[in-house]
């Protein structure tokens, strides 16, 4: 019964499969067709991998299941 007008996804889509992202966006848009979605997309690249190594955060990118390209396609589909 919650009502919302804005939902924020900040660096979380990368941990969701394509199906999970699409299902979530469909559900949210069904609840409110005028919903505004704010998204921060994380990009794992060479520099971020070096930073993880230097900070001894060797598991920093563990669990990533979708890349920015897939995320952007879905975002533009439901945006």
PDB file of N, CA and C in Angstrom:
ATOM      1  N   UNK A   1       0.805  -1.189   0.000  1.00  0.00           N
ATOM      2  CA  UNK A   1       0.000   0.000   0.000  1.00  0.00           C
ATOM      3  C   UNK A   1       0.855   1.263   0.000  1.00  0.00           C
ATOM      4  N   UNK A   2       2.157   1.083  -0.128  1.00  0.00           N
ATOM      5  CA  UNK A   2       3.037   2.248  -0.170  1.00  0.00           C
ATOM      6  C   UNK A   2       2.820   3.032  -1.450  1.00  0.00           C
ATOM      7  N   UNK A   3       2.896   4.338  -1.350  1.00  0.00           N
ATOM      8  CA  UNK A   3       2.819   5.200  -2.520  1.00  0.00           C
ATOM      9  C   UNK A   3       4.133   5.954  -2.617  1.00  0.00           C
ATOM     10  N   UNK A   4       4.708   5.958  -3.797  1.00  0.00           N
ATOM     11  CA  UNK A   4       5.982   6.626  -3.986  1.00  0.00           C
ATOM     12  C   UNK A   4       6.026   7.246  -5.367  1.00  0.00           C
ATOM     13  N   UNK A   5       6.811   8.308  -5.484  1.00  0.00           N
ATOM     14  CA  UNK A   5       6.935   9.034  -6.746  1.00  0.00           C
ATOM     15  C   UNK A   5       8.346   8.972  -7.296  1.00  0.00           C
ATOM     16  N   UNK A   6       9.301   8.651  -6.432  1.00  0.00           N
ATOM     17  CA  UNK A   6      10.702   8.576  -6.832  1.00  0.00           C
ATOM     18  C   UNK A   6      11.330   7.345  -6.189  1.00  0.00           C
ATOM     19  N   UNK A   7      12.113   6.610  -6.985  1.00  0.00           N
ATOM     20  CA  UNK A   7      12.870   5.467  -6.473  1.00  0.00           C
ATOM     21  C   UNK A   7      14.321   5.669  -6.903  1.00  0.00           C
ATOM     22  N   UNK A   8      15.247   5.409  -5.996  1.00  0.00           N
ATOM     23  CA  UNK A   8      16.671   5.590  -6.280  1.00  0.00           C
ATOM     24  C   UNK A   8      17.376   4.236  -6.238  1.00  0.00           C
ATOM     25  N   UNK A   9      18.090   3.929  -7.318  1.00  0.00           N
ATOM     26  CA  UNK A   9      18.953   2.747  -7.388  1.00  0.00           C
ATOM     27  C   UNK A   9      20.376   3.271  -7.529  1.00  0.00           C
ATOM     28  N   UNK A  10      21.176   3.162  -6.493  1.00  0.00           N
ATOM     29  CA  UNK A  10      22.545   3.679  -6.550  1.00  0.00           C
ATOM     30  C   UNK A  10      23.535   2.524  -6.471  1.00  0.00           C
ATOM     31  N   UNK A  11      24.106   2.178  -7.586  1.00  0.00           N
ATOM     32  CA  UNK A  11      25.118   1.123  -7.678  1.00  0.00           C
ATOM     33  C   UNK A  11      24.608  -0.232  -7.188  1.00  0.00           C
ATOM     34  N   UNK A  12      23.358  -0.557  -7.513  1.00  0.00           N
ATOM     35  CA  UNK A  12      22.805  -1.856  -7.120  1.00  0.00           C
ATOM     36  C   UNK A  12      22.394  -2.717  -8.312  1.00  0.00           C
ATOM     37  N   UNK A  13      22.137  -2.100  -9.462  1.00  0.00           N
ATOM     38  CA  UNK A  13      21.678  -2.876 -10.615  1.00  0.00           C
ATOM     39  C   UNK A  13      22.704  -3.913 -11.055  1.00  0.00           C
ATOM     40  N   UNK A  14      23.967  -3.648 -10.810  1.00  0.00           N
ATOM     41  CA  UNK A  14      25.017  -4.577 -11.235  1.00  0.00           C
ATOM     42  C   UNK A  14      24.925  -5.923 -10.510  1.00  0.00           C
ATOM     43  N   UNK A  15      24.236  -5.944  -9.382  1.00  0.00           N
ATOM     44  CA  UNK A  15      24.075  -7.179  -8.614  1.00  0.00           C
ATOM     45  C   UNK A  15      22.776  -7.901  -8.956  1.00  0.00           C
ATOM     46  N   UNK A  16      22.063  -7.373  -9.947  1.00  0.00           N
ATOM     47  CA  UNK A  16      20.788  -7.967 -10.374  1.00  0.00           C
ATOM     48  C   UNK A  16      20.931  -8.524 -11.783  1.00  0.00           C
ATOM     49  N   UNK A  17      20.246  -9.628 -12.047  1.00  0.00           N
ATOM     50  CA  UNK A  17      20.248 -10.181 -13.399  1.00  0.00           C
ATOM     51  C   UNK A  17      19.366  -9.310 -14.291  1.00  0.00           C
ATOM     52  N   UNK A  18      19.486  -9.507 -15.584  1.00  0.00           N
ATOM     53  CA  UNK A  18      18.649  -8.776 -16.540  1.00  0.00           C
ATOM     54  C   UNK A  18      17.178  -8.986 -16.196  1.00  0.00           C
ATOM     55  N   UNK A  19      16.802 -10.226 -15.936  1.00  0.00           N
ATOM     56  CA  UNK A  19      15.409 -10.543 -15.587  1.00  0.00           C
ATOM     57  C   UNK A  19      14.976  -9.800 -14.319  1.00  0.00           C
ATOM     58  N   UNK A  20      15.819  -9.788 -13.306  1.00  0.00           N
ATOM     59  CA  UNK A  20      15.473  -9.117 -12.044  1.00  0.00           C
ATOM     60  C   UNK A  20      15.284  -7.611 -12.242  1.00  0.00           C
ATOM     61  N   UNK A  21      16.142  -7.001 -13.046  1.00  0.00           N
ATOM     62  CA  UNK A  21      16.026  -5.565 -13.309  1.00  0.00           C
ATOM     63  C   UNK A  21      14.719  -5.278 -14.043  1.00  0.00           C
ATOM     64  N   UNK A  22      14.466  -6.036 -15.112  1.00  0.00           N
ATOM     65  CA  UNK A  22      13.242  -5.822 -15.884  1.00  0.00           C
ATOM     66  C   UNK A  22      12.000  -6.053 -15.027  1.00  0.00           C
ATOM     67  N   UNK A  23      11.982  -7.119 -14.261  1.00  0.00           N
ATOM     68  CA  UNK A  23      10.840  -7.430 -13.410  1.00  0.00           C
ATOM     69  C   UNK A  23      10.608  -6.312 -12.387  1.00  0.00           C
ATOM     70  N   UNK A  24      11.666  -5.823 -11.795  1.00  0.00           N
ATOM     71  CA  UNK A  24      11.566  -4.741 -10.811  1.00  0.00           C
ATOM     72  C   UNK A  24      11.006  -3.477 -11.443  1.00  0.00           C
ATOM     73  N   UNK A  25      11.536  -3.094 -12.620  1.00  0.00           N
ATOM     74  CA  UNK A  25      11.050  -1.882 -13.287  1.00  0.00           C
ATOM     75  C   UNK A  25       9.591  -2.035 -13.712  1.00  0.00           C
ATOM     76  N   UNK A  26       9.211  -3.216 -14.204  1.00  0.00           N
ATOM     77  CA  UNK A  26       7.820  -3.460 -14.586  1.00  0.00           C
ATOM     78  C   UNK A  26       6.902  -3.307 -13.373  1.00  0.00           C
ATOM     79  N   UNK A  27       7.305  -3.893 -12.276  1.00  0.00           N
ATOM     80  CA  UNK A  27       6.523  -3.809 -11.041  1.00  0.00           C
ATOM     81  C   UNK A  27       6.358  -2.362 -10.587  1.00  0.00           C
ATOM     82  N   UNK A  28       7.461  -1.621 -10.585  1.00  0.00           N
ATOM     83  CA  UNK A  28       7.420  -0.231 -10.133  1.00  0.00           C
ATOM     84  C   UNK A  28       6.559   0.637 -11.042  1.00  0.00           C
ATOM     85  N   UNK A  29       6.715   0.464 -12.347  1.00  0.00           N
ATOM     86  CA  UNK A  29       5.935   1.261 -13.303  1.00  0.00           C
ATOM     87  C   UNK A  29       4.447   0.899 -13.242  1.00  0.00           C
ATOM     88  N   UNK A  30       4.162  -0.340 -12.904  1.00  0.00           N
ATOM     89  CA  UNK A  30       2.769  -0.772 -12.767  1.00  0.00           C
ATOM     90  C   UNK A  30       2.117  -0.068 -11.570  1.00  0.00           C
ATOM     91  N   UNK A  31       2.900   0.122 -10.516  1.00  0.00           N
ATOM     92  CA  UNK A  31       2.405   0.806  -9.315  1.00  0.00           C
ATOM     93  C   UNK A  31       2.178   2.292  -9.561  1.00  0.00           C
ATOM     94  N   UNK A  32       3.073   2.900 -10.364  1.00  0.00           N
ATOM     95  CA  UNK A  32       2.971   4.332 -10.651  1.00  0.00           C
ATOM     96  C   UNK A  32       3.588   4.595 -12.019  1.00  0.00           C
ATOM     97  N   UNK A  33       2.759   4.797 -13.022  1.00  0.00           N
ATOM     98  CA  UNK A  33       3.261   4.983 -14.385  1.00  0.00           C
ATOM     99  C   UNK A  33       4.062   6.270 -14.543  1.00  0.00           C
ATOM    100  N   UNK A  34       3.897   7.224 -13.632  1.00  0.00           N
ATOM    101  CA  UNK A  34       4.642   8.489 -13.686  1.00  0.00           C
ATOM    102  C   UNK A  34       5.852   8.499 -12.762  1.00  0.00           C
ATOM    103  N   UNK A  35       6.202   7.332 -12.264  1.00  0.00           N
ATOM    104  CA  UNK A  35       7.316   7.190 -11.340  1.00  0.00           C
ATOM    105  C   UNK A  35       8.616   7.714 -11.947  1.00  0.00           C
ATOM    106  N   UNK A  36       9.384   8.420 -11.152  1.00  0.00           N
ATOM    107  CA  UNK A  36      10.719   8.871 -11.547  1.00  0.00           C
ATOM    108  C   UNK A  36      11.728   7.923 -10.913  1.00  0.00           C
ATOM    109  N   UNK A  37      12.653   7.448 -11.734  1.00  0.00           N
ATOM    110  CA  UNK A  37      13.679   6.530 -11.242  1.00  0.00           C
ATOM    111  C   UNK A  37      15.036   7.206 -11.411  1.00  0.00           C
ATOM    112  N   UNK A  38      15.773   7.298 -10.325  1.00  0.00           N
ATOM    113  CA  UNK A  38      17.123   7.871 -10.340  1.00  0.00           C
ATOM    114  C   UNK A  38      18.094   6.706 -10.200  1.00  0.00           C
ATOM    115  N   UNK A  39      19.065   6.635 -11.124  1.00  0.00           N
ATOM    116  CA  UNK A  39      19.962   5.477 -11.160  1.00  0.00           C
ATOM    117  C   UNK A  39      21.416   5.910 -11.215  1.00  0.00           C
ATOM    118  N   UNK A  40      22.216   5.307 -10.364  1.00  0.00           N
ATOM    119  CA  UNK A  40      23.670   5.456 -10.418  1.00  0.00           C
ATOM    120  C   UNK A  40      24.233   4.140 -10.911  1.00  0.00           C
ATOM    121  N   UNK A  41      24.901   4.184 -12.056  1.00  0.00           N
ATOM    122  CA  UNK A  41      25.454   2.954 -12.634  1.00  0.00           C
ATOM    123  C   UNK A  41      26.935   2.869 -12.293  1.00  0.00           C
ATOM    124  N   UNK A  42      27.327   1.732 -11.782  1.00  0.00           N
ATOM    125  CA  UNK A  42      28.734   1.488 -11.467  1.00  0.00           C
ATOM    126  C   UNK A  42      29.427   0.907 -12.686  1.00  0.00           C
ATOM    127  N   UNK A  43      30.632   1.296 -12.879  1.00  0.00           N
ATOM    128  CA  UNK A  43      31.384   0.794 -14.019  1.00  0.00           C
ATOM    129  C   UNK A  43      32.677   0.156 -13.515  1.00  0.00           C
ATOM    130  N   UNK A  44      32.780  -1.130 -13.695  1.00  0.00           N
ATOM    131  CA  UNK A  44      33.999  -1.831 -13.319  1.00  0.00           C
ATOM    132  C   UNK A  44      34.942  -1.747 -14.513  1.00  0.00           C
ATOM    133  N   UNK A  45      36.047  -1.074 -14.310  1.00  0.00           N
ATOM    134  CA  UNK A  45      37.025  -0.943 -15.385  1.00  0.00           C
ATOM    135  C   UNK A  45      38.432  -1.156 -14.826  1.00  0.00           C
ATOM    136  N   UNK A  46      39.390  -0.937 -15.652  1.00  0.00           N
ATOM    137  CA  UNK A  46      40.789  -1.176 -15.266  1.00  0.00           C
ATOM    138  C   UNK A  46      41.180  -0.349 -14.037  1.00  0.00           C
ATOM    139  N   UNK A  47      40.794   0.910 -14.022  1.00  0.00           N
ATOM    140  CA  UNK A  47      41.168   1.790 -12.907  1.00  0.00           C
ATOM    141  C   UNK A  47      40.500   1.335 -11.609  1.00  0.00           C
ATOM    142  N   UNK A  48      39.232   0.959 -11.671  1.00  0.00           N
ATOM    143  CA  UNK A  48      38.562   0.511 -10.452  1.00  0.00           C
ATOM    144  C   UNK A  48      39.155  -0.810  -9.949  1.00  0.00           C
ATOM    145  N   UNK A  49      39.600  -1.644 -10.875  1.00  0.00           N
ATOM    146  CA  UNK A  49      40.246  -2.904 -10.458  1.00  0.00           C
ATOM    147  C   UNK A  49      41.585  -2.636  -9.785  1.00  0.00           C
ATOM    148  N   UNK A  50      42.340  -1.676 -10.305  1.00  0.00           N
ATOM    149  CA  UNK A  50      43.619  -1.295  -9.680  1.00  0.00           C
ATOM    150  C   UNK A  50      43.360  -0.715  -8.293  1.00  0.00           C
ATOM    151  N   UNK A  51      42.352   0.158  -8.180  1.00  0.00           N
ATOM    152  CA  UNK A  51      42.014   0.752  -6.886  1.00  0.00           C
ATOM    153  C   UNK A  51      41.638  -0.327  -5.873  1.00  0.00           C
ATOM    154  N   UNK A  52      40.878  -1.325  -6.306  1.00  0.00           N
ATOM    155  CA  UNK A  52      40.500  -2.421  -5.415  1.00  0.00           C
ATOM    156  C   UNK A  52      41.733  -3.195  -4.962  1.00  0.00           C
ATOM    157  N   UNK A  53      42.656  -3.412  -5.885  1.00  0.00           N
ATOM    158  CA  UNK A  53      43.883  -4.127  -5.559  1.00  0.00           C
ATOM    159  C   UNK A  53      44.739  -3.333  -4.572  1.00  0.00           C
ATOM    160  N   UNK A  54      44.913  -2.036  -4.834  1.00  0.00           N
ATOM    161  CA  UNK A  54      45.735  -1.190  -3.967  1.00  0.00           C
ATOM    162  C   UNK A  54      45.137  -1.054  -2.564  1.00  0.00           C
ATOM    163  N   UNK A  55      43.817  -1.097  -2.476  1.00  0.00           N
ATOM    164  CA  UNK A  55      43.171  -0.962  -1.170  1.00  0.00           C
ATOM    165  C   UNK A  55      42.948  -2.319  -0.497  1.00  0.00           C
ATOM    166  N   UNK A  56      43.483  -3.364  -1.128  1.00  0.00           N
ATOM    167  CA  UNK A  56      43.372  -4.732  -0.631  1.00  0.00           C
ATOM    168  C   UNK A  56      41.917  -5.193  -0.513  1.00  0.00           C
ATOM    169  N   UNK A  57      41.070  -4.626  -1.355  1.00  0.00           N
ATOM    170  CA  UNK A  57      39.667  -5.036  -1.411  1.00  0.00           C
ATOM    171  C   UNK A  57      39.501  -6.021  -2.560  1.00  0.00           C
ATOM    172  N   UNK A  58      40.073  -7.190  -2.409  1.00  0.00           N
ATOM    173  CA  UNK A  58      40.144  -8.150  -3.497  1.00  0.00           C
ATOM    174  C   UNK A  58      38.778  -8.699  -3.918  1.00  0.00           C
ATOM    175  N   UNK A  59      37.795  -8.581  -3.064  1.00  0.00           N
ATOM    176  CA  UNK A  59      36.445  -9.046  -3.397  1.00  0.00           C
ATOM    177  C   UNK A  59      35.512  -7.896  -3.772  1.00  0.00           C
ATOM    178  N   UNK A  60      36.082  -6.749  -4.089  1.00  0.00           N
ATOM    179  CA  UNK A  60      35.283  -5.543  -4.340  1.00  0.00           C
ATOM    180  C   UNK A  60      34.271  -5.723  -5.469  1.00  0.00           C
ATOM    181  N   UNK A  61      34.595  -6.508  -6.457  1.00  0.00           N
ATOM    182  CA  UNK A  61      33.700  -6.655  -7.607  1.00  0.00           C
ATOM    183  C   UNK A  61      33.045  -8.040  -7.679  1.00  0.00           C
ATOM    184  N   UNK A  62      33.122  -8.749  -6.595  1.00  0.00           N
ATOM    185  CA  UNK A  62      32.537 -10.081  -6.552  1.00  0.00           C
ATOM    186  C   UNK A  62      31.016  -9.965  -6.514  1.00  0.00           C
ATOM    187  N   UNK A  63      30.352 -10.789  -7.266  1.00  0.00           N
ATOM    188  CA  UNK A  63      28.897 -10.813  -7.253  1.00  0.00           C
ATOM    189  C   UNK A  63      28.233  -9.996  -8.348  1.00  0.00           C
ATOM    190  N   UNK A  64      29.013  -9.343  -9.188  1.00  0.00           N
ATOM    191  CA  UNK A  64      28.437  -8.551 -10.275  1.00  0.00           C
ATOM    192  C   UNK A  64      27.894  -9.497 -11.336  1.00  0.00           C
ATOM    193  N   UNK A  65      26.610  -9.302 -11.704  1.00  0.00           N
ATOM    194  CA  UNK A  65      25.990 -10.207 -12.668  1.00  0.00           C
ATOM    195  C   UNK A  65      25.492  -9.513 -13.931  1.00  0.00           C
ATOM    196  N   UNK A  66      25.447  -8.178 -13.935  1.00  0.00           N
ATOM    197  CA  UNK A  66      25.053  -7.473 -15.159  1.00  0.00           C
ATOM    198  C   UNK A  66      26.009  -6.311 -15.400  1.00  0.00           C
ATOM    199  N   UNK A  67      26.273  -6.056 -16.664  1.00  0.00           N
ATOM    200  CA  UNK A  67      27.204  -4.983 -17.003  1.00  0.00           C
ATOM    201  C   UNK A  67      26.443  -3.705 -17.358  1.00  0.00           C
ATOM    202  N   UNK A  68      27.138  -2.569 -17.394  1.00  0.00           N
ATOM    203  CA  UNK A  68      26.474  -1.296 -17.685  1.00  0.00           C
ATOM    204  C   UNK A  68      25.711  -1.287 -19.012  1.00  0.00           C
ATOM    205  N   UNK A  69      26.186  -1.998 -20.008  1.00  0.00           N
ATOM    206  CA  UNK A  69      25.517  -2.037 -21.305  1.00  0.00           C
ATOM    207  C   UNK A  69      24.113  -2.634 -21.182  1.00  0.00           C
ATOM    208  N   UNK A  70      24.009  -3.752 -20.503  1.00  0.00           N
ATOM    209  CA  UNK A  70      22.709  -4.407 -20.280  1.00  0.00           C
ATOM    210  C   UNK A  70      21.809  -3.495 -19.450  1.00  0.00           C
ATOM    211  N   UNK A  71      22.368  -2.908 -18.406  1.00  0.00           N
ATOM    212  CA  UNK A  71      21.599  -2.039 -17.530  1.00  0.00           C
ATOM    213  C   UNK A  71      21.028  -0.849 -18.306  1.00  0.00           C
ATOM    214  N   UNK A  72      21.848  -0.228 -19.153  1.00  0.00           N
ATOM    215  CA  UNK A  72      21.401   0.946 -19.931  1.00  0.00           C
ATOM    216  C   UNK A  72      20.264   0.582 -20.875  1.00  0.00           C
ATOM    217  N   UNK A  73      20.350  -0.574 -21.521  1.00  0.00           N
ATOM    218  CA  UNK A  73      19.271  -0.996 -22.433  1.00  0.00           C
ATOM    219  C   UNK A  73      17.941  -1.101 -21.700  1.00  0.00           C
ATOM    220  N   UNK A  74      17.978  -1.686 -20.532  1.00  0.00           N
ATOM    221  CA  UNK A  74      16.754  -1.849 -19.760  1.00  0.00           C
ATOM    222  C   UNK A  74      16.263  -0.498 -19.249  1.00  0.00           C
ATOM    223  N   UNK A  75      17.170   0.335 -18.790  1.00  0.00           N
ATOM    224  CA  UNK A  75      16.803   1.656 -18.284  1.00  0.00           C
ATOM    225  C   UNK A  75      16.090   2.462 -19.363  1.00  0.00           C
ATOM    226  N   UNK A  76      16.640   2.468 -20.564  1.00  0.00           N
ATOM    227  CA  UNK A  76      16.029   3.245 -21.650  1.00  0.00           C
ATOM    228  C   UNK A  76      14.689   2.629 -22.085  1.00  0.00           C
ATOM    229  N   UNK A  77      14.558   1.336 -21.919  1.00  0.00           N
ATOM    230  CA  UNK A  77      13.299   0.670 -22.262  1.00  0.00           C
ATOM    231  C   UNK A  77      12.165   1.118 -21.342  1.00  0.00           C
ATOM    232  N   UNK A  78      12.461   1.266 -20.061  1.00  0.00           N
ATOM    233  CA  UNK A  78      11.447   1.604 -19.079  1.00  0.00           C
ATOM    234  C   UNK A  78      11.489   3.072 -18.634  1.00  0.00           C
ATOM    235  N   UNK A  79      12.477   3.803 -19.117  1.00  0.00           N
ATOM    236  CA  UNK A  79      12.636   5.203 -18.708  1.00  0.00           C
ATOM    237  C   UNK A  79      11.738   6.099 -19.374  1.00  0.00           C
TER     238      UNK A  79
END
